[in-house]
């Protein structure tokens, strides 16, 4: 009988390195569900970022519209201030004493009073014409 030596018949076992593909298939649904949750989180984060960007753009649009209104109202205020200055100057020109005297003499036909037209008002002056002059 021939007996073989079994000591050399066994080769050392070589263990394979873990492969990510084999792990995905071995765990099944739990791993794919985790990936779906991760994808949903990424999508939700992307939608949130886009939504926030739209809100920021909308607010900048509102700020721009308000700035245009402010500029328009500032121009209106400036023009009204110029008109007020012009009207103040016109009022001061029209109410000047020299101009009023000129209008009274030329347009209304008034003249300076004569000495007999002047009346003094008061109790100490006998020429006052109040009836008390002795």
N, C-alpha and C. Protein backbone atom coordinates (compact mmCIF):
# COMPACT_ATOMS: atom_id res chain seq x y z
N UNK A 1 0.82 -1.14 0.00
CA UNK A 1 0.00 0.00 0.00
C UNK A 1 0.88 1.22 0.00
N UNK A 2 0.45 2.15 -0.75
CA UNK A 2 1.25 3.37 -0.90
C UNK A 2 0.50 4.48 -0.17
N UNK A 3 1.19 5.04 0.70
CA UNK A 3 0.57 6.12 1.50
C UNK A 3 1.25 7.41 1.08
N UNK A 4 0.44 8.34 0.76
CA UNK A 4 0.97 9.64 0.34
C UNK A 4 1.16 10.55 1.55
N UNK A 5 2.14 11.34 1.43
CA UNK A 5 2.42 12.27 2.50
C UNK A 5 1.48 13.48 2.33
N UNK A 6 0.59 13.69 3.25
CA UNK A 6 -0.41 14.76 3.18
C UNK A 6 0.14 16.11 3.64
N UNK A 7 1.31 16.19 4.11
CA UNK A 7 1.85 17.44 4.62
C UNK A 7 2.06 18.43 3.50
N UNK A 8 2.39 18.01 2.34
CA UNK A 8 2.61 18.92 1.22
C UNK A 8 1.35 19.10 0.39
N UNK A 9 0.38 18.32 0.62
CA UNK A 9 -0.84 18.39 -0.17
C UNK A 9 -1.66 19.63 0.17
N UNK A 10 -1.57 20.13 1.35
CA UNK A 10 -2.34 21.31 1.74
C UNK A 10 -1.53 22.56 1.50
N UNK A 11 -2.02 23.34 0.63
CA UNK A 11 -1.38 24.65 0.40
C UNK A 11 -1.99 25.67 1.36
N UNK A 12 -1.23 26.65 1.75
CA UNK A 12 -1.81 27.66 2.65
C UNK A 12 -2.95 28.39 1.95
N UNK A 13 -3.98 28.66 2.71
CA UNK A 13 -5.15 29.35 2.14
C UNK A 13 -4.84 30.83 1.99
N UNK A 14 -5.21 31.34 0.84
CA UNK A 14 -5.05 32.77 0.59
C UNK A 14 -6.44 33.40 0.72
N UNK A 15 -6.55 34.31 1.66
CA UNK A 15 -7.85 34.96 1.86
C UNK A 15 -7.94 36.18 0.94
N UNK A 16 -9.04 36.26 0.23
CA UNK A 16 -9.17 37.41 -0.70
C UNK A 16 -9.42 38.71 0.09
N UNK A 17 -8.96 39.82 -0.49
CA UNK A 17 -9.23 41.13 0.10
C UNK A 17 -10.70 41.44 -0.06
N UNK A 18 -11.26 42.18 0.88
CA UNK A 18 -12.70 42.47 0.76
C UNK A 18 -12.96 43.32 -0.47
N UNK A 19 -13.97 42.98 -1.17
CA UNK A 19 -14.37 43.69 -2.38
C UNK A 19 -15.68 44.41 -2.10
N UNK A 20 -15.74 45.68 -2.48
CA UNK A 20 -16.94 46.45 -2.17
C UNK A 20 -18.15 45.90 -2.92
N UNK A 21 -17.95 45.35 -4.08
CA UNK A 21 -19.08 44.81 -4.84
C UNK A 21 -19.67 43.60 -4.14
N UNK A 22 -18.83 42.81 -3.59
CA UNK A 22 -19.36 41.63 -2.91
C UNK A 22 -20.08 42.02 -1.64
N UNK A 23 -19.64 43.06 -0.95
CA UNK A 23 -20.31 43.49 0.26
C UNK A 23 -21.69 44.06 -0.05
N UNK A 24 -21.82 44.80 -1.15
CA UNK A 24 -23.13 45.35 -1.51
C UNK A 24 -24.14 44.23 -1.75
N UNK A 25 -23.69 43.17 -2.38
CA UNK A 25 -24.62 42.09 -2.70
C UNK A 25 -24.91 41.23 -1.49
N UNK A 26 -23.99 41.19 -0.59
CA UNK A 26 -24.21 40.32 0.57
C UNK A 26 -25.19 40.94 1.56
N UNK A 27 -25.18 42.28 1.68
CA UNK A 27 -26.06 42.91 2.66
C UNK A 27 -27.46 43.13 2.11
N UNK A 28 -27.63 43.20 0.84
CA UNK A 28 -28.95 43.27 0.24
C UNK A 28 -29.63 44.61 0.38
N UNK A 29 -30.91 44.58 0.80
CA UNK A 29 -31.77 45.77 0.79
C UNK A 29 -31.32 46.84 1.78
N UNK A 30 -30.77 46.45 2.88
CA UNK A 30 -30.38 47.42 3.90
C UNK A 30 -29.37 48.42 3.34
N UNK A 31 -28.40 47.96 2.56
CA UNK A 31 -27.39 48.86 2.02
C UNK A 31 -27.98 49.75 0.93
N UNK A 32 -28.83 49.23 0.07
CA UNK A 32 -29.41 50.04 -0.99
C UNK A 32 -30.37 51.07 -0.39
N UNK A 33 -31.05 50.73 0.68
CA UNK A 33 -31.93 51.68 1.33
C UNK A 33 -31.12 52.83 1.93
N UNK A 34 -29.97 52.51 2.46
CA UNK A 34 -29.09 53.54 3.00
C UNK A 34 -28.63 54.47 1.89
N UNK A 35 -28.31 53.93 0.74
CA UNK A 35 -27.93 54.77 -0.39
C UNK A 35 -29.10 55.62 -0.85
N UNK A 36 -30.31 55.10 -0.85
CA UNK A 36 -31.47 55.88 -1.24
C UNK A 36 -31.70 57.02 -0.25
N UNK A 37 -31.52 56.80 1.01
CA UNK A 37 -31.66 57.85 2.01
C UNK A 37 -30.60 58.92 1.81
N UNK A 38 -29.40 58.49 1.51
CA UNK A 38 -28.31 59.44 1.26
C UNK A 38 -28.61 60.27 0.02
N UNK A 39 -29.12 59.64 -1.02
CA UNK A 39 -29.47 60.37 -2.23
C UNK A 39 -30.62 61.35 -1.97
N UNK A 40 -31.59 60.92 -1.18
CA UNK A 40 -32.70 61.81 -0.85
C UNK A 40 -32.22 63.02 -0.05
N UNK A 41 -31.27 62.79 0.85
CA UNK A 41 -30.71 63.91 1.61
C UNK A 41 -29.98 64.88 0.71
N UNK A 42 -29.23 64.35 -0.24
CA UNK A 42 -28.52 65.22 -1.18
C UNK A 42 -29.50 66.01 -2.04
N UNK A 43 -30.54 65.34 -2.50
CA UNK A 43 -31.54 66.03 -3.32
C UNK A 43 -32.23 67.10 -2.49
N UNK A 44 -32.59 66.77 -1.26
CA UNK A 44 -33.25 67.75 -0.38
C UNK A 44 -32.32 68.94 -0.11
N UNK A 45 -31.04 68.67 0.10
CA UNK A 45 -30.09 69.75 0.32
C UNK A 45 -29.96 70.62 -0.93
N UNK A 46 -29.94 70.00 -2.09
CA UNK A 46 -29.87 70.76 -3.35
C UNK A 46 -31.10 71.62 -3.56
N UNK A 47 -32.28 71.04 -3.27
CA UNK A 47 -33.52 71.81 -3.41
C UNK A 47 -33.52 72.97 -2.43
N UNK A 48 -33.04 72.75 -1.21
CA UNK A 48 -32.98 73.80 -0.21
C UNK A 48 -32.04 74.93 -0.66
N UNK A 49 -30.91 74.57 -1.21
CA UNK A 49 -29.96 75.57 -1.69
C UNK A 49 -30.57 76.38 -2.82
N UNK A 50 -31.25 75.72 -3.76
CA UNK A 50 -31.89 76.43 -4.88
C UNK A 50 -32.99 77.34 -4.35
N UNK A 51 -33.78 76.85 -3.39
CA UNK A 51 -34.85 77.66 -2.81
C UNK A 51 -34.29 78.90 -2.13
N UNK A 52 -33.23 78.72 -1.35
CA UNK A 52 -32.61 79.86 -0.67
C UNK A 52 -32.04 80.86 -1.67
N UNK A 53 -31.45 80.35 -2.75
CA UNK A 53 -30.92 81.24 -3.78
C UNK A 53 -32.06 82.05 -4.41
N UNK A 54 -33.19 81.41 -4.66
CA UNK A 54 -34.33 82.13 -5.23
C UNK A 54 -34.87 83.19 -4.26
N UNK A 55 -34.89 82.86 -2.98
CA UNK A 55 -35.34 83.83 -1.99
C UNK A 55 -34.40 85.03 -1.96
N UNK A 56 -33.10 84.78 -2.01
CA UNK A 56 -32.13 85.88 -2.00
C UNK A 56 -32.30 86.75 -3.24
N UNK A 57 -32.48 86.14 -4.41
CA UNK A 57 -32.66 86.91 -5.64
C UNK A 57 -33.96 87.72 -5.56
N UNK A 58 -35.01 87.13 -5.02
CA UNK A 58 -36.29 87.84 -4.89
C UNK A 58 -36.13 89.05 -3.97
N UNK A 59 -35.44 88.86 -2.86
CA UNK A 59 -35.25 89.97 -1.92
C UNK A 59 -34.39 91.09 -2.53
N UNK A 60 -33.36 90.71 -3.31
CA UNK A 60 -32.57 91.73 -3.99
C UNK A 60 -33.42 92.48 -5.00
N UNK A 61 -34.34 91.80 -5.64
CA UNK A 61 -35.26 92.47 -6.55
C UNK A 61 -36.13 93.48 -5.82
N UNK A 62 -36.64 93.10 -4.66
CA UNK A 62 -37.44 94.03 -3.87
C UNK A 62 -36.61 95.22 -3.41
N UNK A 63 -35.39 94.98 -2.99
CA UNK A 63 -34.51 96.07 -2.55
C UNK A 63 -34.23 97.01 -3.72
N UNK A 64 -34.02 96.45 -4.90
CA UNK A 64 -33.77 97.28 -6.07
C UNK A 64 -34.98 98.15 -6.40
N UNK A 65 -36.18 97.58 -6.32
CA UNK A 65 -37.40 98.35 -6.59
C UNK A 65 -37.56 99.47 -5.56
N UNK A 66 -37.29 99.18 -4.30
CA UNK A 66 -37.41 100.21 -3.26
C UNK A 66 -36.36 101.30 -3.48
N UNK A 67 -35.16 100.94 -3.88
CA UNK A 67 -34.13 101.94 -4.17
C UNK A 67 -34.54 102.84 -5.32
N UNK A 68 -35.18 102.28 -6.35
CA UNK A 68 -35.65 103.11 -7.46
C UNK A 68 -36.73 104.08 -6.99
N UNK A 69 -37.63 103.62 -6.11
CA UNK A 69 -38.65 104.52 -5.57
C UNK A 69 -38.01 105.63 -4.73
N UNK A 70 -37.01 105.27 -3.95
CA UNK A 70 -36.33 106.27 -3.13
C UNK A 70 -35.66 107.32 -4.02
N UNK A 71 -35.00 106.88 -5.09
CA UNK A 71 -34.35 107.82 -6.01
C UNK A 71 -35.37 108.74 -6.66
N UNK A 72 -36.51 108.20 -7.08
CA UNK A 72 -37.54 109.01 -7.71
C UNK A 72 -38.11 110.04 -6.73
N UNK A 73 -38.36 109.60 -5.50
CA UNK A 73 -38.91 110.52 -4.51
C UNK A 73 -37.88 111.55 -4.07
N UNK A 74 -36.61 111.20 -4.09
CA UNK A 74 -35.55 112.17 -3.79
C UNK A 74 -35.50 113.24 -4.86
N UNK A 75 -35.61 112.84 -6.12
CA UNK A 75 -35.64 113.83 -7.20
C UNK A 75 -36.86 114.74 -7.07
N UNK A 76 -38.02 114.17 -6.73
CA UNK A 76 -39.22 114.97 -6.54
C UNK A 76 -39.04 115.96 -5.38
N UNK A 77 -38.46 115.49 -4.28
CA UNK A 77 -38.21 116.37 -3.13
C UNK A 77 -37.27 117.50 -3.50
N UNK A 78 -36.21 117.18 -4.25
CA UNK A 78 -35.26 118.22 -4.65
C UNK A 78 -35.92 119.27 -5.54
N UNK A 79 -36.76 118.81 -6.47
CA UNK A 79 -37.44 119.78 -7.34
C UNK A 79 -38.42 120.64 -6.53
N UNK A 80 -39.09 120.04 -5.55
CA UNK A 80 -40.00 120.82 -4.71
C UNK A 80 -39.24 121.82 -3.84
N UNK A 81 -38.06 121.44 -3.36
CA UNK A 81 -37.25 122.39 -2.59
C UNK A 81 -36.78 123.55 -3.46
N UNK A 82 -36.41 123.27 -4.71
CA UNK A 82 -36.03 124.34 -5.63
C UNK A 82 -37.21 125.27 -5.88
N UNK A 83 -38.39 124.69 -6.07
CA UNK A 83 -39.58 125.51 -6.30
C UNK A 83 -39.90 126.34 -5.06
N UNK A 84 -39.72 125.77 -3.86
CA UNK A 84 -39.97 126.53 -2.63
C UNK A 84 -38.99 127.70 -2.51
N UNK A 85 -37.73 127.48 -2.83
CA UNK A 85 -36.75 128.58 -2.80
C UNK A 85 -37.14 129.68 -3.77
N UNK A 86 -37.54 129.27 -4.97
CA UNK A 86 -37.94 130.24 -5.99
C UNK A 86 -39.16 131.03 -5.51
N UNK A 87 -40.14 130.35 -4.92
CA UNK A 87 -41.34 131.04 -4.44
C UNK A 87 -41.02 131.95 -3.25
N UNK A 88 -40.10 131.57 -2.40
CA UNK A 88 -39.69 132.42 -1.29
C UNK A 88 -39.04 133.71 -1.80
N UNK A 89 -38.22 133.57 -2.81
CA UNK A 89 -37.58 134.75 -3.41
C UNK A 89 -38.65 135.62 -4.06
N UNK A 90 -39.61 135.01 -4.75
CA UNK A 90 -40.67 135.77 -5.40
C UNK A 90 -41.51 136.52 -4.37
N UNK A 91 -41.83 135.86 -3.26
CA UNK A 91 -42.61 136.52 -2.20
C UNK A 91 -41.83 137.70 -1.61
N UNK A 92 -40.55 137.50 -1.37
CA UNK A 92 -39.76 138.60 -0.80
C UNK A 92 -39.64 139.76 -1.79
N UNK A 93 -39.58 139.47 -3.09
CA UNK A 93 -39.54 140.54 -4.08
C UNK A 93 -40.87 141.28 -4.15
N UNK A 94 -41.97 140.54 -4.09
CA UNK A 94 -43.29 141.16 -4.21
C UNK A 94 -43.69 141.94 -2.97
N UNK A 95 -43.20 141.58 -1.81
CA UNK A 95 -43.58 142.26 -0.58
C UNK A 95 -42.54 143.28 -0.12
N UNK A 96 -41.56 143.59 -0.94
CA UNK A 96 -40.56 144.59 -0.58
C UNK A 96 -41.25 145.96 -0.50
N UNK A 97 -40.86 146.77 0.48
CA UNK A 97 -41.51 148.06 0.70
C UNK A 97 -41.35 149.00 -0.48
N UNK A 98 -40.18 148.99 -1.09
CA UNK A 98 -39.96 149.85 -2.26
C UNK A 98 -40.89 149.49 -3.41
N UNK A 99 -41.09 148.22 -3.63
CA UNK A 99 -41.98 147.80 -4.71
C UNK A 99 -43.43 148.14 -4.38
N UNK A 100 -43.83 147.94 -3.12
CA UNK A 100 -45.21 148.29 -2.73
C UNK A 100 -45.46 149.79 -2.91
N UNK A 101 -44.49 150.60 -2.55
CA UNK A 101 -44.63 152.05 -2.74
C UNK A 101 -44.77 152.40 -4.21
N UNK A 102 -43.96 151.75 -5.04
CA UNK A 102 -44.00 152.01 -6.48
C UNK A 102 -45.34 151.60 -7.07
N UNK A 103 -45.87 150.44 -6.66
CA UNK A 103 -47.16 149.97 -7.17
C UNK A 103 -48.28 150.91 -6.71
N UNK A 104 -48.21 151.39 -5.47
CA UNK A 104 -49.24 152.29 -4.96
C UNK A 104 -49.25 153.61 -5.74
N UNK A 105 -48.08 154.13 -6.04
CA UNK A 105 -48.02 155.40 -6.76
C UNK A 105 -48.38 155.23 -8.22
N UNK A 106 -47.80 154.23 -8.91
CA UNK A 106 -47.97 154.12 -10.35
C UNK A 106 -49.29 153.45 -10.75
N UNK A 107 -49.61 152.34 -10.14
CA UNK A 107 -50.78 151.59 -10.59
C UNK A 107 -52.07 152.03 -9.90
N UNK A 108 -52.00 152.37 -8.63
CA UNK A 108 -53.20 152.72 -7.89
C UNK A 108 -53.45 154.22 -7.85
N UNK A 109 -52.53 155.00 -8.31
CA UNK A 109 -52.71 156.46 -8.36
C UNK A 109 -52.63 157.12 -7.01
N UNK A 110 -52.02 156.55 -6.05
CA UNK A 110 -51.87 157.16 -4.74
C UNK A 110 -50.71 158.14 -4.77
N UNK A 111 -50.68 159.03 -3.77
CA UNK A 111 -49.59 159.97 -3.66
C UNK A 111 -49.30 160.19 -2.18
N UNK A 112 -48.20 160.87 -1.91
CA UNK A 112 -47.82 161.14 -0.53
C UNK A 112 -48.82 162.13 0.07
N UNK A 113 -49.13 162.00 1.38
CA UNK A 113 -50.09 162.92 1.99
C UNK A 113 -49.52 164.33 2.17
N UNK A 114 -50.41 165.29 2.04
CA UNK A 114 -50.01 166.69 2.26
C UNK A 114 -50.00 166.99 3.76
N UNK A 115 -49.47 168.18 4.14
CA UNK A 115 -49.40 168.51 5.56
C UNK A 115 -50.77 168.60 6.23
N UNK A 116 -51.79 168.98 5.49
CA UNK A 116 -53.11 169.11 6.07
C UNK A 116 -53.80 167.75 6.22
N UNK A 117 -53.25 166.69 5.58
CA UNK A 117 -53.85 165.36 5.68
C UNK A 117 -53.25 164.51 6.81
N UNK A 118 -52.22 164.99 7.44
CA UNK A 118 -51.55 164.22 8.48
C UNK A 118 -52.27 164.45 9.80
N UNK A 119 -52.63 163.43 10.49
CA UNK A 119 -53.27 163.48 11.80
C UNK A 119 -52.40 162.72 12.79
N UNK A 120 -52.15 163.30 13.92
CA UNK A 120 -51.39 162.65 14.96
C UNK A 120 -52.35 162.03 15.95
N UNK A 121 -52.07 160.85 16.34
CA UNK A 121 -52.93 160.13 17.27
C UNK A 121 -52.19 160.02 18.59
N UNK A 122 -52.83 160.45 19.67
CA UNK A 122 -52.22 160.38 20.99
C UNK A 122 -52.78 161.46 21.88
N UNK A 123 -52.67 161.33 23.21
CA UNK A 123 -53.25 162.28 24.14
C UNK A 123 -52.38 163.48 24.42
N UNK A 124 -51.10 163.50 24.15
CA UNK A 124 -50.20 164.59 24.52
C UNK A 124 -50.10 165.66 23.43
N UNK A 125 -50.42 165.33 22.24
CA UNK A 125 -50.25 166.26 21.13
C UNK A 125 -51.56 167.04 20.91
N UNK A 126 -51.53 168.39 20.97
CA UNK A 126 -52.76 169.15 20.77
C UNK A 126 -53.25 169.10 19.34
N UNK A 127 -52.41 168.73 18.41
CA UNK A 127 -52.84 168.67 17.02
C UNK A 127 -53.43 167.32 16.65
N UNK A 128 -53.64 166.49 17.63
CA UNK A 128 -54.06 165.13 17.36
C UNK A 128 -55.49 165.07 16.84
N UNK A 129 -56.30 166.07 17.12
CA UNK A 129 -57.66 166.09 16.61
C UNK A 129 -58.60 165.22 17.40
N UNK A 130 -58.31 164.98 18.67
CA UNK A 130 -59.17 164.12 19.44
C UNK A 130 -60.24 164.92 20.20
N UNK A 131 -60.23 166.24 20.10
CA UNK A 131 -61.24 167.06 20.72
C UNK A 131 -60.86 167.58 22.09
N UNK A 132 -59.75 167.15 22.65
CA UNK A 132 -59.35 167.59 23.96
C UNK A 132 -58.38 168.76 23.91
N UNK A 133 -57.95 169.15 22.74
CA UNK A 133 -56.96 170.22 22.64
C UNK A 133 -57.55 171.57 22.97
N UNK A 134 -57.02 172.27 23.96
CA UNK A 134 -57.52 173.59 24.37
C UNK A 134 -56.88 174.68 23.62
